[in-house]
């Protein structure tokens, strides 16, 4: 069976509706939050691997829902990339500031 990913996203939106898919974003983010907690509470390697697999599945679920949300608001790839670069630039600056602050504390 062949299909295009964009077709699946569009079909989900037309089949289930925008509001239902927006609500699914909340649900999937909640499941991701729970999976992160379980991953950090894992006590041994076996538990950690199970929790890791569950966490990876939830990351993908959230990513799928965020892709649908981007489609709902009409966000283009260029808009996404521009905003992402802006936000990463801010993060980079915060990292630099934090490192400088740490180095300043070490030398005192």
C-alpha atoms as a PDB file:
ATOM      1  CA  UNK A   1       0.000   0.000   0.000  1.00  0.00           C
ATOM      2  CA  UNK A   2       1.467   3.351  -1.015  1.00  0.00           C
ATOM      3  CA  UNK A   3       0.403   6.676   0.356  1.00  0.00           C
ATOM      4  CA  UNK A   4       1.711  10.191   0.807  1.00  0.00           C
ATOM      5  CA  UNK A   5       2.179  11.448   4.338  1.00  0.00           C
ATOM      6  CA  UNK A   6       0.553  14.769   3.477  1.00  0.00           C
ATOM      7  CA  UNK A   7      -2.531  12.872   2.328  1.00  0.00           C
ATOM      8  CA  UNK A   8      -2.785  11.110   5.696  1.00  0.00           C
ATOM      9  CA  UNK A   9      -2.510  14.377   7.612  1.00  0.00           C
ATOM     10  CA  UNK A  10      -5.148  16.001   5.393  1.00  0.00           C
ATOM     11  CA  UNK A  11      -7.406  12.965   5.679  1.00  0.00           C
ATOM     12  CA  UNK A  12      -7.153  12.965   9.473  1.00  0.00           C
ATOM     13  CA  UNK A  13      -8.174  16.619   9.575  1.00  0.00           C
ATOM     14  CA  UNK A  14     -11.114  16.174   7.218  1.00  0.00           C
ATOM     15  CA  UNK A  15     -12.248  12.899   8.812  1.00  0.00           C
ATOM     16  CA  UNK A  16     -12.010  13.860  12.475  1.00  0.00           C
ATOM     17  CA  UNK A  17     -12.220  17.643  12.236  1.00  0.00           C
ATOM     18  CA  UNK A  18      -9.977  20.414  13.406  1.00  0.00           C
ATOM     19  CA  UNK A  19     -11.380  20.678  16.931  1.00  0.00           C
ATOM     20  CA  UNK A  20     -11.068  16.947  17.585  1.00  0.00           C
ATOM     21  CA  UNK A  21      -7.482  16.950  16.345  1.00  0.00           C
ATOM     22  CA  UNK A  22      -6.667  19.996  18.470  1.00  0.00           C
ATOM     23  CA  UNK A  23      -7.982  18.101  21.498  1.00  0.00           C
ATOM     24  CA  UNK A  24      -5.830  15.146  20.503  1.00  0.00           C
ATOM     25  CA  UNK A  25      -2.789  17.421  20.759  1.00  0.00           C
ATOM     26  CA  UNK A  26      -3.565  17.865  24.465  1.00  0.00           C
ATOM     27  CA  UNK A  27      -4.068  14.131  24.940  1.00  0.00           C
ATOM     28  CA  UNK A  28      -0.839  13.197  23.185  1.00  0.00           C
ATOM     29  CA  UNK A  29       1.170  15.819  25.078  1.00  0.00           C
ATOM     30  CA  UNK A  30      -0.251  14.424  28.327  1.00  0.00           C
ATOM     31  CA  UNK A  31       0.815  10.916  27.320  1.00  0.00           C
ATOM     32  CA  UNK A  32       4.294  12.227  26.471  1.00  0.00           C
ATOM     33  CA  UNK A  33       4.529  13.849  29.899  1.00  0.00           C
ATOM     34  CA  UNK A  34       3.613  10.550  31.550  1.00  0.00           C
ATOM     35  CA  UNK A  35       6.138   8.653  29.428  1.00  0.00           C
ATOM     36  CA  UNK A  36       8.900  11.081  30.430  1.00  0.00           C
ATOM     37  CA  UNK A  37       8.035  10.506  34.096  1.00  0.00           C
ATOM     38  CA  UNK A  38       8.081   6.717  33.671  1.00  0.00           C
ATOM     39  CA  UNK A  39      11.409   6.910  31.866  1.00  0.00           C
ATOM     40  CA  UNK A  40      12.969   8.818  34.751  1.00  0.00           C
ATOM     41  CA  UNK A  41      11.477   6.441  37.335  1.00  0.00           C
ATOM     42  CA  UNK A  42      12.755   3.279  35.603  1.00  0.00           C
ATOM     43  CA  UNK A  43      14.729   1.246  38.122  1.00  0.00           C
ATOM     44  CA  UNK A  44      16.747  -1.137  35.984  1.00  0.00           C
ATOM     45  CA  UNK A  45      17.910  -1.641  32.401  1.00  0.00           C
ATOM     46  CA  UNK A  46      14.886  -3.724  31.387  1.00  0.00           C
ATOM     47  CA  UNK A  47      12.423  -1.175  32.782  1.00  0.00           C
ATOM     48  CA  UNK A  48      14.412   1.644  31.225  1.00  0.00           C
ATOM     49  CA  UNK A  49      14.318   0.034  27.774  1.00  0.00           C
ATOM     50  CA  UNK A  50      10.545  -0.487  27.981  1.00  0.00           C
ATOM     51  CA  UNK A  51      10.098   3.100  29.162  1.00  0.00           C
ATOM     52  CA  UNK A  52      12.429   4.312  26.397  1.00  0.00           C
ATOM     53  CA  UNK A  53      10.394   2.541  23.722  1.00  0.00           C
ATOM     54  CA  UNK A  54       7.164   4.005  25.121  1.00  0.00           C
ATOM     55  CA  UNK A  55       8.747   7.456  25.269  1.00  0.00           C
ATOM     56  CA  UNK A  56       9.870   7.236  21.650  1.00  0.00           C
ATOM     57  CA  UNK A  57       6.350   6.250  20.577  1.00  0.00           C
ATOM     58  CA  UNK A  58       4.870   9.226  22.416  1.00  0.00           C
ATOM     59  CA  UNK A  59       7.439  11.589  20.883  1.00  0.00           C
ATOM     60  CA  UNK A  60       6.316  10.418  17.435  1.00  0.00           C
ATOM     61  CA  UNK A  61       2.626  10.742  18.369  1.00  0.00           C
ATOM     62  CA  UNK A  62       3.171  14.343  19.502  1.00  0.00           C
ATOM     63  CA  UNK A  63       5.172  15.117  16.377  1.00  0.00           C
ATOM     64  CA  UNK A  64       2.343  13.790  14.198  1.00  0.00           C
ATOM     65  CA  UNK A  65      -0.167  15.944  16.054  1.00  0.00           C
ATOM     66  CA  UNK A  66       2.073  19.012  15.835  1.00  0.00           C
ATOM     67  CA  UNK A  67       2.387  18.479  12.088  1.00  0.00           C
ATOM     68  CA  UNK A  68      -1.409  18.478  11.864  1.00  0.00           C
ATOM     69  CA  UNK A  69      -1.545  21.607  14.019  1.00  0.00           C
ATOM     70  CA  UNK A  70       0.930  23.341  11.696  1.00  0.00           C
ATOM     71  CA  UNK A  71      -1.341  22.408   8.767  1.00  0.00           C
ATOM     72  CA  UNK A  72      -4.383  23.746  10.636  1.00  0.00           C
ATOM     73  CA  UNK A  73      -2.811  27.164  11.104  1.00  0.00           C
ATOM     74  CA  UNK A  74      -1.344  27.190   7.609  1.00  0.00           C
ATOM     75  CA  UNK A  75       2.283  27.309   8.744  1.00  0.00           C
ATOM     76  CA  UNK A  76       4.608  26.936   5.782  1.00  0.00           C
ATOM     77  CA  UNK A  77       7.922  25.100   5.968  1.00  0.00           C
ATOM     78  CA  UNK A  78       9.755  28.429   5.523  1.00  0.00           C
ATOM     79  CA  UNK A  79       7.758  30.037   8.337  1.00  0.00           C
ATOM     80  CA  UNK A  80       8.544  27.076  10.566  1.00  0.00           C
ATOM     81  CA  UNK A  81      12.245  27.148   9.738  1.00  0.00           C
ATOM     82  CA  UNK A  82      12.494  30.917  10.244  1.00  0.00           C
ATOM     83  CA  UNK A  83      10.822  30.723  13.648  1.00  0.00           C
ATOM     84  CA  UNK A  84      12.901  27.681  14.579  1.00  0.00           C
ATOM     85  CA  UNK A  85      16.143  29.498  13.691  1.00  0.00           C
ATOM     86  CA  UNK A  86      15.069  32.533  15.713  1.00  0.00           C
ATOM     87  CA  UNK A  87      14.242  30.384  18.737  1.00  0.00           C
ATOM     88  CA  UNK A  88      17.457  28.364  18.398  1.00  0.00           C
ATOM     89  CA  UNK A  89      19.389  31.628  18.235  1.00  0.00           C
ATOM     90  CA  UNK A  90      17.824  32.673  21.544  1.00  0.00           C
ATOM     91  CA  UNK A  91      18.633  29.279  23.060  1.00  0.00           C
ATOM     92  CA  UNK A  92      22.219  29.560  21.840  1.00  0.00           C
ATOM     93  CA  UNK A  93      22.523  32.958  23.517  1.00  0.00           C
ATOM     94  CA  UNK A  94      21.110  31.593  26.790  1.00  0.00           C
ATOM     95  CA  UNK A  95      23.616  28.726  26.659  1.00  0.00           C
ATOM     96  CA  UNK A  96      26.480  31.173  26.117  1.00  0.00           C
ATOM     97  CA  UNK A  97      25.278  33.323  29.022  1.00  0.00           C
ATOM     98  CA  UNK A  98      24.939  30.302  31.308  1.00  0.00           C
ATOM     99  CA  UNK A  99      28.428  29.069  30.408  1.00  0.00           C
ATOM    100  CA  UNK A 100      29.904  32.511  30.970  1.00  0.00           C
ATOM    101  CA  UNK A 101      28.162  32.733  34.337  1.00  0.00           C
ATOM    102  CA  UNK A 102      29.472  29.279  35.331  1.00  0.00           C
ATOM    103  CA  UNK A 103      33.006  30.184  34.301  1.00  0.00           C
ATOM    104  CA  UNK A 104      32.750  33.411  36.261  1.00  0.00           C
ATOM    105  CA  UNK A 105      31.674  31.486  39.357  1.00  0.00           C
ATOM    106  CA  UNK A 106      34.525  28.985  38.993  1.00  0.00           C
ATOM    107  CA  UNK A 107      37.195  31.691  38.829  1.00  0.00           C
ATOM    108  CA  UNK A 108      35.986  33.626  41.894  1.00  0.00           C
END
